[in-house]
PDB file of all heavy atoms in Angstrom:
ATOM      1  N   SER A   1      81.915 136.735  -3.951  1.00  0.00           N
ATOM      2  CA  SER A   1      81.349 137.849  -4.703  1.00  0.00           C
ATOM      3  C   SER A   1      80.046 138.324  -4.022  1.00  0.00           C
ATOM      4  O   SER A   1      79.706 137.814  -2.935  1.00  0.00           O
ATOM      5  CB  SER A   1      81.145 137.479  -6.215  1.00  0.00           C
ATOM      6  OG  SER A   1      80.664 138.562  -6.943  1.00  0.00           O
ATOM      7  N   SER A   2      79.397 139.208  -4.633  1.00  0.00           N
ATOM      8  CA  SER A   2      78.175 139.727  -4.160  1.00  0.00           C
ATOM      9  C   SER A   2      77.149 139.978  -5.287  1.00  0.00           C
ATOM     10  O   SER A   2      77.557 140.485  -6.270  1.00  0.00           O
ATOM     11  CB  SER A   2      78.226 140.917  -3.279  1.00  0.00           C
ATOM     12  OG  SER A   2      77.054 141.475  -2.829  1.00  0.00           O
ATOM     13  N   LEU A   3      75.940 139.724  -5.042  1.00  0.00           N
ATOM     14  CA  LEU A   3      74.886 139.870  -6.091  1.00  0.00           C
ATOM     15  C   LEU A   3      74.298 141.331  -5.887  1.00  0.00           C
ATOM     16  O   LEU A   3      73.461 141.695  -6.760  1.00  0.00           O
ATOM     17  CB  LEU A   3      73.733 138.871  -6.118  1.00  0.00           C
ATOM     18  CG  LEU A   3      74.211 137.427  -6.291  1.00  0.00           C
ATOM     19  CD1 LEU A   3      72.945 136.394  -6.215  1.00  0.00           C
ATOM     20  CD2 LEU A   3      74.779 137.273  -7.683  1.00  0.00           C
ATOM     21  N   GLY A   4      74.678 142.024  -4.924  1.00  0.00           N
ATOM     22  CA  GLY A   4      74.216 143.381  -4.745  1.00  0.00           C
ATOM     23  C   GLY A   4      72.850 143.591  -4.307  1.00  0.00           C
ATOM     24  O   GLY A   4      72.244 144.607  -4.242  1.00  0.00           O
ATOM     25  N   ALA A   5      72.159 142.502  -3.792  1.00  0.00           N
ATOM     26  CA  ALA A   5      70.840 142.576  -3.167  1.00  0.00           C
ATOM     27  C   ALA A   5      70.588 141.397  -2.267  1.00  0.00           C
ATOM     28  O   ALA A   5      71.197 140.346  -2.422  1.00  0.00           O
ATOM     29  CB  ALA A   5      69.831 142.607  -4.352  1.00  0.00           C
ATOM     30  N   GLY A   6      69.667 141.653  -1.297  1.00  0.00           N
ATOM     31  CA  GLY A   6      69.330 140.578  -0.421  1.00  0.00           C
ATOM     32  C   GLY A   6      68.610 139.420  -1.138  1.00  0.00           C
ATOM     33  O   GLY A   6      67.909 139.771  -2.116  1.00  0.00           O
ATOM     34  N   LEU A   7      68.746 138.279  -0.545  1.00  0.00           N
ATOM     35  CA  LEU A   7      68.089 137.065  -1.275  1.00  0.00           C
ATOM     36  C   LEU A   7      67.129 136.459  -0.312  1.00  0.00           C
ATOM     37  O   LEU A   7      67.266 136.209   0.878  1.00  0.00           O
ATOM     38  CB  LEU A   7      69.122 136.052  -1.661  1.00  0.00           C
ATOM     39  CG  LEU A   7      70.218 136.657  -2.613  1.00  0.00           C
ATOM     40  CD1 LEU A   7      71.299 135.420  -2.735  1.00  0.00           C
ATOM     41  CD2 LEU A   7      69.762 137.047  -3.812  1.00  0.00           C
ATOM     42  N   ASP A   8      65.917 136.101  -0.970  1.00  0.00           N
ATOM     43  CA  ASP A   8      64.956 135.280  -0.219  1.00  0.00           C
ATOM     44  C   ASP A   8      65.177 133.893  -0.505  1.00  0.00           C
ATOM     45  O   ASP A   8      64.753 133.208  -1.602  1.00  0.00           O
ATOM     46  CB  ASP A   8      63.534 135.662  -0.786  1.00  0.00           C
ATOM     47  CG  ASP A   8      62.518 134.936   0.056  1.00  0.00           C
ATOM     48  OD1 ASP A   8      62.761 133.838   0.590  1.00  0.00           O
ATOM     49  OD2 ASP A   8      61.255 135.325   0.004  1.00  0.00           O
ATOM     50  N   LEU A   9      65.977 133.206   0.324  1.00  0.00           N
ATOM     51  CA  LEU A   9      66.542 131.873  -0.031  1.00  0.00           C
ATOM     52  C   LEU A   9      65.496 130.784  -0.075  1.00  0.00           C
ATOM     53  O   LEU A   9      65.549 129.857  -0.868  1.00  0.00           O
ATOM     54  CB  LEU A   9      67.626 131.292   0.973  1.00  0.00           C
ATOM     55  CG  LEU A   9      68.837 132.355   1.094  1.00  0.00           C
ATOM     56  CD1 LEU A   9      69.756 131.838   2.168  1.00  0.00           C
ATOM     57  CD2 LEU A   9      69.461 132.496  -0.190  1.00  0.00           C
ATOM     58  N   TYR A  10      64.404 130.937   0.776  1.00  0.00           N
ATOM     59  CA  TYR A  10      63.322 129.948   0.686  1.00  0.00           C
ATOM     60  C   TYR A  10      62.566 129.983  -0.657  1.00  0.00           C
ATOM     61  O   TYR A  10      62.257 129.042  -1.171  1.00  0.00           O
ATOM     62  CB  TYR A  10      62.320 130.254   1.887  1.00  0.00           C
ATOM     63  CG  TYR A  10      61.110 129.335   1.918  1.00  0.00           C
ATOM     64  CD1 TYR A  10      61.330 127.953   2.473  1.00  0.00           C
ATOM     65  CD2 TYR A  10      59.963 129.792   1.452  1.00  0.00           C
ATOM     66  CE1 TYR A  10      60.287 127.132   2.535  1.00  0.00           C
ATOM     67  CE2 TYR A  10      58.893 128.827   1.351  1.00  0.00           C
ATOM     68  CZ  TYR A  10      59.023 127.508   1.915  1.00  0.00           C
ATOM     69  OH  TYR A  10      57.873 126.632   1.901  1.00  0.00           O
ATOM     70  N   ASN A  11      62.306 131.301  -1.037  1.00  0.00           N
ATOM     71  CA  ASN A  11      61.659 131.458  -2.389  1.00  0.00           C
ATOM     72  C   ASN A  11      62.503 130.961  -3.491  1.00  0.00           C
ATOM     73  O   ASN A  11      61.842 130.264  -4.347  1.00  0.00           O
ATOM     74  CB  ASN A  11      61.389 132.912  -2.546  1.00  0.00           C
ATOM     75  CG  ASN A  11      60.498 133.196  -3.704  1.00  0.00           C
ATOM     76  OD1 ASN A  11      59.549 132.496  -4.007  1.00  0.00           O
ATOM     77  ND2 ASN A  11      60.884 134.212  -4.517  1.00  0.00           N
ATOM     78  N   LEU A  12      63.800 131.212  -3.444  1.00  0.00           N
ATOM     79  CA  LEU A  12      64.612 130.649  -4.547  1.00  0.00           C
ATOM     80  C   LEU A  12      64.627 129.125  -4.555  1.00  0.00           C
ATOM     81  O   LEU A  12      64.658 128.498  -5.542  1.00  0.00           O
ATOM     82  CB  LEU A  12      66.089 131.164  -4.301  1.00  0.00           C
ATOM     83  CG  LEU A  12      66.250 132.711  -4.407  1.00  0.00           C
ATOM     84  CD1 LEU A  12      67.735 133.050  -4.163  1.00  0.00           C
ATOM     85  CD2 LEU A  12      65.930 133.203  -5.929  1.00  0.00           C
ATOM     86  N   ALA A  13      64.688 128.560  -3.350  1.00  0.00           N
ATOM     87  CA  ALA A  13      64.773 126.989  -3.372  1.00  0.00           C
ATOM     88  C   ALA A  13      63.418 126.440  -3.879  1.00  0.00           C
ATOM     89  O   ALA A  13      63.423 125.424  -4.509  1.00  0.00           O
ATOM     90  CB  ALA A  13      64.966 126.545  -1.898  1.00  0.00           C
ATOM     91  N   THR A  14      62.345 127.174  -3.562  1.00  0.00           N
ATOM     92  CA  THR A  14      61.079 126.690  -4.158  1.00  0.00           C
ATOM     93  C   THR A  14      60.908 126.812  -5.611  1.00  0.00           C
ATOM     94  O   THR A  14      60.337 126.019  -6.305  1.00  0.00           O
ATOM     95  CB  THR A  14      59.879 127.474  -3.429  1.00  0.00           C
ATOM     96  OG1 THR A  14      59.901 127.402  -1.951  1.00  0.00           O
ATOM     97  CG2 THR A  14      58.516 127.019  -3.840  1.00  0.00           C
ATOM     98  N   ALA A  15      61.464 128.017  -6.194  1.00  0.00           N
ATOM     99  CA  ALA A  15      61.285 128.241  -7.586  1.00  0.00           C
ATOM    100  C   ALA A  15      62.298 127.697  -8.522  1.00  0.00           C
ATOM    101  O   ALA A  15      62.109 127.530  -9.747  1.00  0.00           O
ATOM    102  CB  ALA A  15      61.192 129.792  -7.803  1.00  0.00           C
ATOM    103  N   ILE A  16      63.517 127.429  -7.967  1.00  0.00           N
ATOM    104  CA  ILE A  16      64.608 126.973  -8.857  1.00  0.00           C
ATOM    105  C   ILE A  16      64.972 125.549  -8.421  1.00  0.00           C
ATOM    106  O   ILE A  16      65.511 125.416  -7.273  1.00  0.00           O
ATOM    107  CB  ILE A  16      65.855 127.943  -8.754  1.00  0.00           C
ATOM    108  CG1 ILE A  16      65.416 129.317  -8.987  1.00  0.00           C
ATOM    109  CG2 ILE A  16      67.049 127.455  -9.605  1.00  0.00           C
ATOM    110  CD1 ILE A  16      66.574 130.338  -8.798  1.00  0.00           C
ATOM    111  N   PRO A  17      64.827 124.480  -9.256  1.00  0.00           N
ATOM    112  CA  PRO A  17      65.230 123.102  -8.861  1.00  0.00           C
ATOM    113  C   PRO A  17      66.653 122.871  -8.419  1.00  0.00           C
ATOM    114  O   PRO A  17      66.906 122.041  -7.593  1.00  0.00           O
ATOM    115  CB  PRO A  17      64.841 122.387 -10.115  1.00  0.00           C
ATOM    116  CG  PRO A  17      63.847 123.158 -10.869  1.00  0.00           C
ATOM    117  CD  PRO A  17      64.215 124.695 -10.596  1.00  0.00           C
ATOM    118  N   GLU A  18      67.536 123.781  -8.965  1.00  0.00           N
ATOM    119  CA  GLU A  18      68.966 123.544  -8.714  1.00  0.00           C
ATOM    120  C   GLU A  18      69.469 124.012  -7.274  1.00  0.00           C
ATOM    121  O   GLU A  18      70.516 123.919  -6.982  1.00  0.00           O
ATOM    122  CB  GLU A  18      69.764 124.208  -9.767  1.00  0.00           C
ATOM    123  CG  GLU A  18      69.643 123.565 -11.102  1.00  0.00           C
ATOM    124  CD  GLU A  18      68.480 124.063 -11.951  1.00  0.00           C
ATOM    125  OE1 GLU A  18      67.834 124.879 -11.468  1.00  0.00           O
ATOM    126  OE2 GLU A  18      68.219 123.528 -13.064  1.00  0.00           O
ATOM    127  N   VAL A  19      68.548 124.779  -6.707  1.00  0.00           N
ATOM    128  CA  VAL A  19      68.899 125.427  -5.485  1.00  0.00           C
ATOM    129  C   VAL A  19      68.318 124.542  -4.275  1.00  0.00           C
ATOM    130  O   VAL A  19      67.178 124.150  -4.179  1.00  0.00           O
ATOM    131  CB  VAL A  19      68.197 126.834  -5.255  1.00  0.00           C
ATOM    132  CG1 VAL A  19      68.458 127.333  -3.857  1.00  0.00           C
ATOM    133  CG2 VAL A  19      68.835 127.710  -6.321  1.00  0.00           C
ATOM    134  N   GLU A  20      69.292 124.265  -3.356  1.00  0.00           N
ATOM    135  CA  GLU A  20      68.895 123.378  -2.118  1.00  0.00           C
ATOM    136  C   GLU A  20      69.100 124.381  -0.924  1.00  0.00           C
ATOM    137  O   GLU A  20      70.060 125.064  -0.756  1.00  0.00           O
ATOM    138  CB  GLU A  20      69.889 122.194  -1.994  1.00  0.00           C
ATOM    139  CG  GLU A  20      69.899 121.305  -3.169  1.00  0.00           C
ATOM    140  CD  GLU A  20      70.892 120.249  -2.972  1.00  0.00           C
ATOM    141  OE1 GLU A  20      71.602 120.119  -1.946  1.00  0.00           O
ATOM    142  OE2 GLU A  20      71.136 119.472  -3.990  1.00  0.00           O
ATOM    143  N   TYR A  21      68.023 124.362  -0.062  1.00  0.00           N
ATOM    144  CA  TYR A  21      68.161 125.284   1.119  1.00  0.00           C
ATOM    145  C   TYR A  21      67.500 124.475   2.388  1.00  0.00           C
ATOM    146  O   TYR A  21      66.283 124.101   2.378  1.00  0.00           O
ATOM    147  CB  TYR A  21      67.359 126.448   0.922  1.00  0.00           C
ATOM    148  CG  TYR A  21      67.275 127.358   2.012  1.00  0.00           C
ATOM    149  CD1 TYR A  21      68.443 127.857   2.673  1.00  0.00           C
ATOM    150  CD2 TYR A  21      66.055 128.032   2.453  1.00  0.00           C
ATOM    151  CE1 TYR A  21      68.479 128.655   3.751  1.00  0.00           C
ATOM    152  CE2 TYR A  21      66.143 128.904   3.524  1.00  0.00           C
ATOM    153  CZ  TYR A  21      67.288 129.240   4.107  1.00  0.00           C
ATOM    154  OH  TYR A  21      67.289 130.137   5.154  1.00  0.00           O
ATOM    155  N   GLU A  22      68.481 124.127   3.268  1.00  0.00           N
ATOM    156  CA  GLU A  22      68.040 123.551   4.603  1.00  0.00           C
ATOM    157  C   GLU A  22      68.578 124.330   5.784  1.00  0.00           C
ATOM    158  O   GLU A  22      69.703 124.039   6.307  1.00  0.00           O
ATOM    159  CB  GLU A  22      68.455 122.025   4.627  1.00  0.00           C
ATOM    160  CG  GLU A  22      68.007 121.098   3.429  1.00  0.00           C
ATOM    161  CD  GLU A  22      68.468 119.799   3.495  1.00  0.00           C
ATOM    162  OE1 GLU A  22      69.093 119.466   4.504  1.00  0.00           O
ATOM    163  OE2 GLU A  22      68.317 119.040   2.511  1.00  0.00           O
ATOM    164  N   PRO A  23      67.892 125.426   5.954  1.00  0.00           N
ATOM    165  CA  PRO A  23      68.356 126.379   7.094  1.00  0.00           C
ATOM    166  C   PRO A  23      68.635 125.690   8.469  1.00  0.00           C
ATOM    167  O   PRO A  23      69.527 126.249   9.189  1.00  0.00           O
ATOM    168  CB  PRO A  23      67.258 127.328   7.221  1.00  0.00           C
ATOM    169  CG  PRO A  23      65.970 126.724   6.752  1.00  0.00           C
ATOM    170  CD  PRO A  23      66.490 125.767   5.709  1.00  0.00           C
ATOM    171  N   GLU A  24      68.044 124.616   8.857  1.00  0.00           N
ATOM    172  CA  GLU A  24      68.412 123.931  10.020  1.00  0.00           C
ATOM    173  C   GLU A  24      69.837 123.287  10.128  1.00  0.00           C
ATOM    174  O   GLU A  24      70.359 122.976  11.145  1.00  0.00           O
ATOM    175  CB  GLU A  24      67.343 122.944  10.387  1.00  0.00           C
ATOM    176  CG  GLU A  24      67.244 121.698   9.511  1.00  0.00           C
ATOM    177  CD  GLU A  24      66.447 121.917   8.246  1.00  0.00           C
ATOM    178  OE1 GLU A  24      66.000 123.096   7.983  1.00  0.00           O
ATOM    179  OE2 GLU A  24      66.367 121.080   7.383  1.00  0.00           O
ATOM    180  N   GLN A  25      70.305 123.105   8.888  1.00  0.00           N
ATOM    181  CA  GLN A  25      71.612 122.497   8.789  1.00  0.00           C
ATOM    182  C   GLN A  25      72.746 123.492   8.364  1.00  0.00           C
ATOM    183  O   GLN A  25      73.843 123.362   8.910  1.00  0.00           O
ATOM    184  CB  GLN A  25      71.621 121.415   7.688  1.00  0.00           C
ATOM    185  CG  GLN A  25      70.748 120.283   8.121  1.00  0.00           C
ATOM    186  CD  GLN A  25      70.792 119.101   7.090  1.00  0.00           C
ATOM    187  OE1 GLN A  25      71.828 119.042   6.307  1.00  0.00           O
ATOM    188  NE2 GLN A  25      69.815 118.238   7.189  1.00  0.00           N
ATOM    189  N   PHE A  26      72.386 124.499   7.550  1.00  0.00           N
ATOM    190  CA  PHE A  26      73.325 125.451   7.017  1.00  0.00           C
ATOM    191  C   PHE A  26      72.589 126.795   6.683  1.00  0.00           C
ATOM    192  O   PHE A  26      71.559 126.766   6.184  1.00  0.00           O
ATOM    193  CB  PHE A  26      74.107 124.944   5.851  1.00  0.00           C
ATOM    194  CG  PHE A  26      75.113 125.882   5.323  1.00  0.00           C
ATOM    195  CD1 PHE A  26      76.336 125.971   6.009  1.00  0.00           C
ATOM    196  CD2 PHE A  26      75.026 126.586   4.154  1.00  0.00           C
ATOM    197  CE1 PHE A  26      77.377 126.830   5.541  1.00  0.00           C
ATOM    198  CE2 PHE A  26      75.884 127.356   3.670  1.00  0.00           C
ATOM    199  CZ  PHE A  26      77.073 127.531   4.395  1.00  0.00           C
ATOM    200  N   PRO A  27      73.097 127.954   7.052  1.00  0.00           N
ATOM    201  CA  PRO A  27      72.401 129.167   6.835  1.00  0.00           C
ATOM    202  C   PRO A  27      72.231 129.632   5.380  1.00  0.00           C
ATOM    203  O   PRO A  27      71.512 130.551   5.152  1.00  0.00           O
ATOM    204  CB  PRO A  27      73.273 130.158   7.684  1.00  0.00           C
ATOM    205  CG  PRO A  27      74.663 129.620   7.811  1.00  0.00           C
ATOM    206  CD  PRO A  27      74.375 128.012   7.852  1.00  0.00           C
ATOM    207  N   GLY A  28      73.092 129.022   4.531  1.00  0.00           N
ATOM    208  CA  GLY A  28      73.082 129.394   3.052  1.00  0.00           C
ATOM    209  C   GLY A  28      72.407 128.401   2.190  1.00  0.00           C
ATOM    210  O   GLY A  28      72.167 127.265   2.613  1.00  0.00           O
ATOM    211  N   ALA A  29      72.112 128.761   1.010  1.00  0.00           N
ATOM    212  CA  ALA A  29      71.489 127.885   0.037  1.00  0.00           C
ATOM    213  C   ALA A  29      72.578 127.441  -0.914  1.00  0.00           C
ATOM    214  O   ALA A  29      73.584 128.096  -1.037  1.00  0.00           O
ATOM    215  CB  ALA A  29      70.364 128.498  -0.681  1.00  0.00           C
ATOM    216  N   ILE A  30      72.375 126.289  -1.561  1.00  0.00           N
ATOM    217  CA  ILE A  30      73.469 125.844  -2.490  1.00  0.00           C
ATOM    218  C   ILE A  30      72.910 125.838  -3.947  1.00  0.00           C
ATOM    219  O   ILE A  30      71.869 125.132  -4.127  1.00  0.00           O
ATOM    220  CB  ILE A  30      73.952 124.433  -2.028  1.00  0.00           C
ATOM    221  CG1 ILE A  30      74.504 124.412  -0.683  1.00  0.00           C
ATOM    222  CG2 ILE A  30      75.025 123.886  -3.069  1.00  0.00           C
ATOM    223  CD1 ILE A  30      74.925 123.041   0.010  1.00  0.00           C
ATOM    224  N   LEU A  31      73.571 126.383  -4.843  1.00  0.00           N
ATOM    225  CA  LEU A  31      73.128 126.340  -6.219  1.00  0.00           C
ATOM    226  C   LEU A  31      74.264 125.480  -6.976  1.00  0.00           C
ATOM    227  O   LEU A  31      75.331 125.987  -6.994  1.00  0.00           O
ATOM    228  CB  LEU A  31      73.076 127.752  -6.797  1.00  0.00           C
ATOM    229  CG  LEU A  31      73.008 127.932  -8.301  1.00  0.00           C
ATOM    230  CD1 LEU A  31      71.702 127.093  -8.785  1.00  0.00           C
ATOM    231  CD2 LEU A  31      72.782 129.332  -8.668  1.00  0.00           C
ATOM    232  N   LYS A  32      73.847 124.422  -7.555  1.00  0.00           N
ATOM    233  CA  LYS A  32      74.759 123.585  -8.214  1.00  0.00           C
ATOM    234  C   LYS A  32      74.622 123.720  -9.688  1.00  0.00           C
ATOM    235  O   LYS A  32      73.519 123.742 -10.194  1.00  0.00           O
ATOM    236  CB  LYS A  32      74.589 122.025  -7.814  1.00  0.00           C
ATOM    237  CG  LYS A  32      74.961 121.822  -6.502  1.00  0.00           C
ATOM    238  CD  LYS A  32      74.810 120.276  -6.140  1.00  0.00           C
ATOM    239  CE  LYS A  32      75.214 120.112  -4.609  1.00  0.00           C
ATOM    240  NZ  LYS A  32      75.075 118.612  -4.295  1.00  0.00           N
ATOM    241  N   MET A  33      75.773 123.864 -10.451  1.00  0.00           N
ATOM    242  CA  MET A  33      75.722 124.027 -11.889  1.00  0.00           C
ATOM    243  C   MET A  33      76.477 122.869 -12.563  1.00  0.00           C
ATOM    244  O   MET A  33      77.390 122.402 -12.042  1.00  0.00           O
ATOM    245  CB  MET A  33      76.403 125.374 -12.322  1.00  0.00           C
ATOM    246  CG  MET A  33      75.596 126.621 -11.911  1.00  0.00           C
ATOM    247  SD  MET A  33      76.425 128.000 -12.549  1.00  0.00           S
ATOM    248  CE  MET A  33      75.345 129.348 -11.834  1.00  0.00           C
TER     249      MET A  33
END
């Protein structure tokens, strides 16, 4: 799907505990529910 807007993954990982972001390993962030 698409959220319809660009995402600042680093900022999301910093502000949301459930988001993991390690760009050196994978270009995307992971949000676990």
